[in-house]
PDB file of N, CA and C in Angstrom:
ATOM      1  N   MET A   1     -15.612  -3.149  -8.853  1.00  0.00           N
ATOM      2  CA  MET A   1     -14.898  -2.806  -7.699  1.00  0.00           C
ATOM      3  C   MET A   1     -16.020  -3.399  -6.316  1.00  0.00           C
ATOM      4  N   ALA A   2     -15.186  -4.205  -5.186  1.00  0.00           N
ATOM      5  CA  ALA A   2     -16.531  -4.702  -4.551  1.00  0.00           C
ATOM      6  C   ALA A   2     -17.131  -3.661  -3.501  1.00  0.00           C
ATOM      7  N   ARG A   3     -18.204  -3.980  -3.115  1.00  0.00           N
ATOM      8  CA  ARG A   3     -18.889  -3.045  -2.410  1.00  0.00           C
ATOM      9  C   ARG A   3     -18.647  -3.303  -0.888  1.00  0.00           C
ATOM     10  N   SER A   4     -18.772  -2.084  -0.162  1.00  0.00           N
ATOM     11  CA  SER A   4     -18.240  -2.167   1.524  1.00  0.00           C
ATOM     12  C   SER A   4     -19.635  -2.100   2.084  1.00  0.00           C
ATOM     13  N   LYS A   5     -19.083  -2.576   3.601  1.00  0.00           N
ATOM     14  CA  LYS A   5     -20.333  -2.335   3.901  1.00  0.00           C
ATOM     15  C   LYS A   5     -20.869  -1.070   4.624  1.00  0.00           C
ATOM     16  N   PRO A   6     -21.985  -0.542   4.924  1.00  0.00           N
ATOM     17  CA  PRO A   6     -22.293   0.721   5.224  1.00  0.00           C
ATOM     18  C   PRO A   6     -21.704   0.818   6.829  1.00  0.00           C
ATOM     19  N   TYR A   7     -21.340   2.497   6.886  1.00  0.00           N
ATOM     20  CA  TYR A   7     -20.776   2.451   8.310  1.00  0.00           C
ATOM     21  C   TYR A   7     -21.636   2.466   9.440  1.00  0.00           C
ATOM     22  N   SER A   8     -21.366   2.044  10.287  1.00  0.00           N
ATOM     23  CA  SER A   8     -22.290   1.588  11.686  1.00  0.00           C
ATOM     24  C   SER A   8     -21.333   2.200  12.696  1.00  0.00           C
ATOM     25  N   PRO A   9     -21.927   3.407  13.322  1.00  0.00           N
ATOM     26  CA  PRO A   9     -21.324   4.106  14.453  1.00  0.00           C
ATOM     27  C   PRO A   9     -21.060   3.254  15.751  1.00  0.00           C
ATOM     28  N   GLY A  10     -21.473   2.492  16.075  1.00  0.00           N
ATOM     29  CA  GLY A  10     -21.379   1.152  17.008  1.00  0.00           C
ATOM     30  C   GLY A  10     -20.136   0.261  17.021  1.00  0.00           C
ATOM     31  N   ALA A  11     -19.865   0.070  15.610  1.00  0.00           N
ATOM     32  CA  ALA A  11     -19.085  -0.853  15.437  1.00  0.00           C
ATOM     33  C   ALA A  11     -17.613  -0.625  16.096  1.00  0.00           C
ATOM     34  N   PRO A  12     -16.631  -1.545  16.095  1.00  0.00           N
ATOM     35  CA  PRO A  12     -15.218  -1.149  16.496  1.00  0.00           C
ATOM     36  C   PRO A  12     -14.588  -0.363  15.592  1.00  0.00           C
ATOM     37  N   ALA A  13     -13.670   0.414  15.856  1.00  0.00           N
ATOM     38  CA  ALA A  13     -12.784   1.236  14.642  1.00  0.00           C
ATOM     39  C   ALA A  13     -11.864   0.207  14.515  1.00  0.00           C
ATOM     40  N   ALA A  14     -11.685   0.140  12.586  1.00  0.00           N
ATOM     41  CA  ALA A  14     -10.679  -0.804  12.247  1.00  0.00           C
ATOM     42  C   ALA A  14      -9.268   0.327  12.051  1.00  0.00           C
ATOM     43  N   ILE A  15      -7.955  -0.377  12.207  1.00  0.00           N
ATOM     44  CA  ILE A  15      -7.063   0.450  11.763  1.00  0.00           C
ATOM     45  C   ILE A  15      -6.846   0.496  10.242  1.00  0.00           C
ATOM     46  N   PRO A  16      -7.087   1.857   9.810  1.00  0.00           N
ATOM     47  CA  PRO A  16      -7.356   1.989   8.322  1.00  0.00           C
ATOM     48  C   PRO A  16      -6.145   1.312   7.461  1.00  0.00           C
ATOM     49  N   GLU A  17      -4.943   1.696   7.925  1.00  0.00           N
ATOM     50  CA  GLU A  17      -3.720   1.278   7.204  1.00  0.00           C
ATOM     51  C   GLU A  17      -3.626  -0.313   7.256  1.00  0.00           C
ATOM     52  N   GLU A  18      -4.192  -1.012   7.983  1.00  0.00           N
ATOM     53  CA  GLU A  18      -4.302  -2.262   8.024  1.00  0.00           C
ATOM     54  C   GLU A  18      -4.921  -3.014   7.235  1.00  0.00           C
ATOM     55  N   GLU A  19      -6.236  -2.508   6.658  1.00  0.00           N
ATOM     56  CA  GLU A  19      -7.284  -3.104   6.010  1.00  0.00           C
ATOM     57  C   GLU A  19      -7.728  -2.523   4.650  1.00  0.00           C
ATOM     58  N   ILE A  20      -6.465  -2.179   3.888  1.00  0.00           N
ATOM     59  CA  ILE A  20      -6.907  -1.557   2.554  1.00  0.00           C
ATOM     60  C   ILE A  20      -6.967  -2.567   1.456  1.00  0.00           C
ATOM     61  N   ILE A  21      -8.378  -2.496   0.942  1.00  0.00           N
ATOM     62  CA  ILE A  21      -8.325  -3.511  -0.006  1.00  0.00           C
ATOM     63  C   ILE A  21      -8.075  -2.555  -1.626  1.00  0.00           C
ATOM     64  N   PHE A  22      -7.243  -3.633  -2.246  1.00  0.00           N
ATOM     65  CA  PHE A  22      -6.880  -3.231  -3.593  1.00  0.00           C
ATOM     66  C   PHE A  22      -7.839  -3.772  -4.716  1.00  0.00           C
ATOM     67  N   SER A  23      -8.478  -3.045  -5.653  1.00  0.00           N
ATOM     68  CA  SER A  23      -9.557  -3.847  -6.275  1.00  0.00           C
ATOM     69  C   SER A  23      -8.858  -3.015  -7.893  1.00  0.00           C
ATOM     70  N   LEU A  24      -9.569  -3.860  -8.824  1.00  0.00           N
ATOM     71  CA  LEU A  24      -9.438  -3.449 -10.233  1.00  0.00           C
ATOM     72  C   LEU A  24     -10.706  -3.334 -10.799  1.00  0.00           C
ATOM     73  N   LYS A  25     -11.178  -1.987 -11.630  1.00  0.00           N
ATOM     74  CA  LYS A  25     -12.349  -1.903 -12.464  1.00  0.00           C
ATOM     75  C   LYS A  25     -11.841  -1.214 -13.733  1.00  0.00           C
ATOM     76  N   ASP A  26     -12.132  -1.546 -14.778  1.00  0.00           N
ATOM     77  CA  ASP A  26     -11.815  -0.898 -16.144  1.00  0.00           C
ATOM     78  C   ASP A  26     -10.442  -0.721 -16.221  1.00  0.00           C
ATOM     79  N   ASP A  27      -9.428  -1.920 -15.791  1.00  0.00           N
ATOM     80  CA  ASP A  27      -8.212  -1.220 -16.030  1.00  0.00           C
ATOM     81  C   ASP A  27      -7.257  -0.475 -14.818  1.00  0.00           C
ATOM     82  N   PHE A  28      -8.303   0.032 -14.204  1.00  0.00           N
ATOM     83  CA  PHE A  28      -7.719   0.897 -13.192  1.00  0.00           C
ATOM     84  C   PHE A  28      -7.899   0.233 -11.852  1.00  0.00           C
ATOM     85  N   VAL A  29      -6.823   0.600 -10.693  1.00  0.00           N
ATOM     86  CA  VAL A  29      -6.677   0.286  -9.557  1.00  0.00           C
ATOM     87  C   VAL A  29      -7.251   1.169  -8.767  1.00  0.00           C
ATOM     88  N   TRP A  30      -8.061   0.430  -7.843  1.00  0.00           N
ATOM     89  CA  TRP A  30      -8.695   1.288  -6.681  1.00  0.00           C
ATOM     90  C   TRP A  30      -8.018   0.966  -5.448  1.00  0.00           C
ATOM     91  N   ALA A  31      -8.206   2.031  -4.252  1.00  0.00           N
ATOM     92  CA  ALA A  31      -7.644   1.417  -2.835  1.00  0.00           C
ATOM     93  C   ALA A  31      -9.020   1.797  -2.333  1.00  0.00           C
ATOM     94  N   SER A  32      -9.646   1.092  -1.392  1.00  0.00           N
ATOM     95  CA  SER A  32     -10.781   1.407  -0.471  1.00  0.00           C
ATOM     96  C   SER A  32     -10.725   0.794   0.846  1.00  0.00           C
ATOM     97  N   TRP A  33     -11.591   1.253   1.699  1.00  0.00           N
ATOM     98  CA  TRP A  33     -11.489   0.580   3.177  1.00  0.00           C
ATOM     99  C   TRP A  33     -12.648  -0.165   3.905  1.00  0.00           C
ATOM    100  N   PRO A  34     -12.512  -1.087   4.162  1.00  0.00           N
ATOM    101  CA  PRO A  34     -13.983  -1.794   4.652  1.00  0.00           C
ATOM    102  C   PRO A  34     -14.703  -0.735   5.664  1.00  0.00           C
ATOM    103  N   ASP A  35     -16.030  -1.042   5.326  1.00  0.00           N
ATOM    104  CA  ASP A  35     -16.880  -0.053   6.230  1.00  0.00           C
ATOM    105  C   ASP A  35     -16.868   1.094   6.283  1.00  0.00           C
ATOM    106  N   THR A  36     -16.443   1.432   4.705  1.00  0.00           N
ATOM    107  CA  THR A  36     -16.608   3.059   4.559  1.00  0.00           C
ATOM    108  C   THR A  36     -16.781   2.988   2.843  1.00  0.00           C
ATOM    109  N   HIS A  37     -17.530   4.477   2.375  1.00  0.00           N
ATOM    110  CA  HIS A  37     -17.630   4.624   1.149  1.00  0.00           C
ATOM    111  C   HIS A  37     -16.294   5.375   0.186  1.00  0.00           C
ATOM    112  N   ALA A  38     -15.212   5.277   1.298  1.00  0.00           N
ATOM    113  CA  ALA A  38     -14.218   5.839   0.763  1.00  0.00           C
ATOM    114  C   ALA A  38     -13.473   4.713  -0.546  1.00  0.00           C
ATOM    115  N   ALA A  39     -12.853   5.601  -1.523  1.00  0.00           N
ATOM    116  CA  ALA A  39     -12.384   4.827  -2.368  1.00  0.00           C
ATOM    117  C   ALA A  39     -11.374   6.054  -3.280  1.00  0.00           C
ATOM    118  N   VAL A  40      -9.975   5.586  -3.348  1.00  0.00           N
ATOM    119  CA  VAL A  40      -9.060   6.484  -4.462  1.00  0.00           C
ATOM    120  C   VAL A  40      -8.812   5.655  -5.387  1.00  0.00           C
ATOM    121  N   ARG A  41      -8.873   6.374  -6.463  1.00  0.00           N
ATOM    122  CA  ARG A  41      -8.396   5.636  -8.013  1.00  0.00           C
ATOM    123  C   ARG A  41      -6.769   5.813  -7.935  1.00  0.00           C
ATOM    124  N   LEU A  42      -6.013   4.784  -8.287  1.00  0.00           N
ATOM    125  CA  LEU A  42      -4.697   4.964  -7.653  1.00  0.00           C
ATOM    126  C   LEU A  42      -3.968   5.374  -9.453  1.00  0.00           C
ATOM    127  N   GLY A  43      -4.533   4.636 -10.224  1.00  0.00           N
ATOM    128  CA  GLY A  43      -4.002   4.542 -11.807  1.00  0.00           C
ATOM    129  C   GLY A  43      -4.076   3.588 -12.148  1.00  0.00           C
ATOM    130  N   ARG A  44      -3.630   3.475 -13.630  1.00  0.00           N
ATOM    131  CA  ARG A  44      -3.642   2.344 -14.490  1.00  0.00           C
ATOM    132  C   ARG A  44      -3.253   1.004 -14.089  1.00  0.00           C
ATOM    133  N   HIS A  45      -3.494  -0.232 -14.179  1.00  0.00           N
ATOM    134  CA  HIS A  45      -3.108  -1.074 -13.458  1.00  0.00           C
ATOM    135  C   HIS A  45      -1.553  -1.286 -13.832  1.00  0.00           C
ATOM    136  N   ASP A  46      -1.356  -1.381 -15.047  1.00  0.00           N
ATOM    137  CA  ASP A  46       0.115  -1.532 -15.355  1.00  0.00           C
ATOM    138  C   ASP A  46       0.968  -0.269 -14.645  1.00  0.00           C
ATOM    139  N   VAL A  47       0.863   0.716 -14.445  1.00  0.00           N
ATOM    140  CA  VAL A  47       1.644   1.783 -13.776  1.00  0.00           C
ATOM    141  C   VAL A  47       1.656   1.759 -12.241  1.00  0.00           C
ATOM    142  N   VAL A  48       0.151   1.132 -11.663  1.00  0.00           N
ATOM    143  CA  VAL A  48       0.428   1.012 -10.380  1.00  0.00           C
ATOM    144  C   VAL A  48       1.299  -0.412 -10.058  1.00  0.00           C
ATOM    145  N   ALA A  49       1.344  -1.319 -11.052  1.00  0.00           N
ATOM    146  CA  ALA A  49       1.788  -2.456 -10.511  1.00  0.00           C
ATOM    147  C   ALA A  49       3.431  -2.356 -10.924  1.00  0.00           C
ATOM    148  N   ALA A  50       3.800  -1.355 -11.594  1.00  0.00           N
ATOM    149  CA  ALA A  50       4.778  -1.234 -11.771  1.00  0.00           C
ATOM    150  C   ALA A  50       5.586  -0.517 -10.264  1.00  0.00           C
ATOM    151  N   MET A  51       4.657   0.534 -10.164  1.00  0.00           N
ATOM    152  CA  MET A  51       5.174   1.310  -8.869  1.00  0.00           C
ATOM    153  C   MET A  51       5.254   0.288  -7.744  1.00  0.00           C
ATOM    154  N   MET A  52       4.141  -0.543  -7.429  1.00  0.00           N
ATOM    155  CA  MET A  52       4.454  -1.258  -6.248  1.00  0.00           C
ATOM    156  C   MET A  52       5.875  -2.325  -6.352  1.00  0.00           C
ATOM    157  N   GLU A  53       5.951  -2.751  -7.647  1.00  0.00           N
ATOM    158  CA  GLU A  53       7.163  -3.689  -7.521  1.00  0.00           C
ATOM    159  C   GLU A  53       8.315  -2.598  -7.361  1.00  0.00           C
ATOM    160  N   ASP A  54       8.486  -1.323  -8.095  1.00  0.00           N
ATOM    161  CA  ASP A  54       9.522  -0.564  -7.682  1.00  0.00           C
ATOM    162  C   ASP A  54       9.571  -0.680  -6.051  1.00  0.00           C
ATOM    163  N   PHE A  55       8.349   0.098  -5.551  1.00  0.00           N
ATOM    164  CA  PHE A  55       8.585   0.065  -3.844  1.00  0.00           C
ATOM    165  C   PHE A  55       8.783  -0.988  -3.005  1.00  0.00           C
ATOM    166  N   LEU A  56       8.503  -2.201  -3.622  1.00  0.00           N
ATOM    167  CA  LEU A  56       8.969  -3.161  -3.126  1.00  0.00           C
ATOM    168  C   LEU A  56      10.401  -3.761  -3.204  1.00  0.00           C
ATOM    169  N   ALA A  57      10.941  -3.404  -4.449  1.00  0.00           N
ATOM    170  CA  ALA A  57      12.428  -3.734  -4.430  1.00  0.00           C
ATOM    171  C   ALA A  57      13.443  -2.587  -3.421  1.00  0.00           C
ATOM    172  N   GLN A  58      12.573  -1.121  -3.361  1.00  0.00           N
ATOM    173  CA  GLN A  58      13.339  -0.501  -2.774  1.00  0.00           C
ATOM    174  C   GLN A  58      13.315  -0.633  -1.244  1.00  0.00           C
ATOM    175  N   ASP A  59      11.968  -1.083  -0.881  1.00  0.00           N
ATOM    176  CA  ASP A  59      11.780  -1.382   0.514  1.00  0.00           C
ATOM    177  C   ASP A  59      13.036  -2.586   0.866  1.00  0.00           C
ATOM    178  N   ALA A  60      13.012  -3.806   0.102  1.00  0.00           N
ATOM    179  CA  ALA A  60      13.990  -4.808   0.149  1.00  0.00           C
ATOM    180  C   ALA A  60      15.309  -4.478   0.297  1.00  0.00           C
ATOM    181  N   LEU A  61      15.904  -3.769  -0.601  1.00  0.00           N
ATOM    182  CA  LEU A  61      17.330  -2.981  -0.710  1.00  0.00           C
ATOM    183  C   LEU A  61      17.205  -2.220   0.714  1.00  0.00           C
ATOM    184  N   GLY A  62      16.613  -1.283   1.287  1.00  0.00           N
ATOM    185  CA  GLY A  62      16.617  -0.583   2.350  1.00  0.00           C
ATOM    186  C   GLY A  62      17.103  -1.453   3.533  1.00  0.00           C
ATOM    187  N   ARG A  63      15.952  -2.350   3.976  1.00  0.00           N
ATOM    188  CA  ARG A  63      16.045  -3.343   4.753  1.00  0.00           C
ATOM    189  C   ARG A  63      17.310  -4.349   4.921  1.00  0.00           C
ATOM    190  N   GLN A  64      17.863  -4.406   3.459  1.00  0.00           N
ATOM    191  CA  GLN A  64      19.389  -4.998   3.498  1.00  0.00           C
ATOM    192  C   GLN A  64      20.242  -4.080   3.979  1.00  0.00           C
ATOM    193  N   LEU A  65      20.144  -2.873   3.391  1.00  0.00           N
ATOM    194  CA  LEU A  65      21.384  -1.922   3.792  1.00  0.00           C
ATOM    195  C   LEU A  65      21.437  -1.459   5.511  1.00  0.00           C
ATOM    196  N   THR A  66      20.580  -1.502   5.939  1.00  0.00           N
ATOM    197  CA  THR A  66      20.156  -0.968   7.387  1.00  0.00           C
ATOM    198  C   THR A  66      20.314  -2.345   8.174  1.00  0.00           C
ATOM    199  N   SER A  67      20.598  -3.506   7.780  1.00  0.00           N
ATOM    200  CA  SER A  67      20.188  -4.876   8.608  1.00  0.00           C
ATOM    201  C   SER A  67      21.790  -5.335   8.730  1.00  0.00           C
ATOM    202  N   ARG A  68      22.643  -4.876   7.911  1.00  0.00           N
ATOM    203  CA  ARG A  68      24.033  -5.410   8.146  1.00  0.00           C
ATOM    204  C   ARG A  68      24.993  -4.233   8.514  1.00  0.00           C
ATOM    205  N   PRO A  69      26.038  -4.434   9.491  1.00  0.00           N
ATOM    206  CA  PRO A  69      26.944  -3.533  10.072  1.00  0.00           C
ATOM    207  C   PRO A  69      27.581  -3.046   8.802  1.00  0.00           C
ATOM    208  N   GLN A  70      27.487  -1.579   9.444  1.00  0.00           N
ATOM    209  CA  GLN A  70      28.247  -0.764   8.425  1.00  0.00           C
ATOM    210  C   GLN A  70      29.762  -0.228   8.671  1.00  0.00           C
ATOM    211  N   HIS A  71      30.456  -0.619   7.717  1.00  0.00           N
ATOM    212  CA  HIS A  71      32.167  -0.775   7.700  1.00  0.00           C
ATOM    213  C   HIS A  71      32.552   0.739   7.157  1.00  0.00           C
ATOM    214  N   TRP A  72      32.491   1.716   8.181  1.00  0.00           N
ATOM    215  CA  TRP A  72      33.057   3.085   7.603  1.00  0.00           C
ATOM    216  C   TRP A  72      34.645   2.995   7.491  1.00  0.00           C
ATOM    217  N   ILE A  73      35.128   3.665   6.294  1.00  0.00           N
ATOM    218  CA  ILE A  73      36.266   3.793   5.925  1.00  0.00           C
ATOM    219  C   ILE A  73      36.775   5.574   5.925  1.00  0.00           C
ATOM    220  N   ASP A  74      37.983   5.757   6.757  1.00  0.00           N
ATOM    221  CA  ASP A  74      38.012   6.924   6.886  1.00  0.00           C
ATOM    222  C   ASP A  74      38.926   7.406   6.048  1.00  0.00           C
ATOM    223  N   PRO A  75      38.754   8.617   5.388  1.00  0.00           N
ATOM    224  CA  PRO A  75      39.155   8.787   4.391  1.00  0.00           C
ATOM    225  C   PRO A  75      40.442   9.525   4.035  1.00  0.00           C
ATOM    226  N   HIS A  76      40.867   9.703   5.445  1.00  0.00           N
ATOM    227  CA  HIS A  76      42.397  10.313   5.855  1.00  0.00           C
ATOM    228  C   HIS A  76      43.148   9.839   6.260  1.00  0.00           C
TER     229      HIS A  76
END
């Protein structure tokens, strides 16, 4: 896993969700943030990759469904 820079109190604050670093160590995926020592082990590479693929597929479907006009049929 890549080392991050030590925290600097005078440094401008970054937006954490815009700078997530994903890394792989010993077949486990980790999420970390620049300028911190915080890291979260997300899980085994194969499991995390499958979850990310599923999330992206659901996101794409959701965007498709919300971007087209809805034609509601009155059941009565």
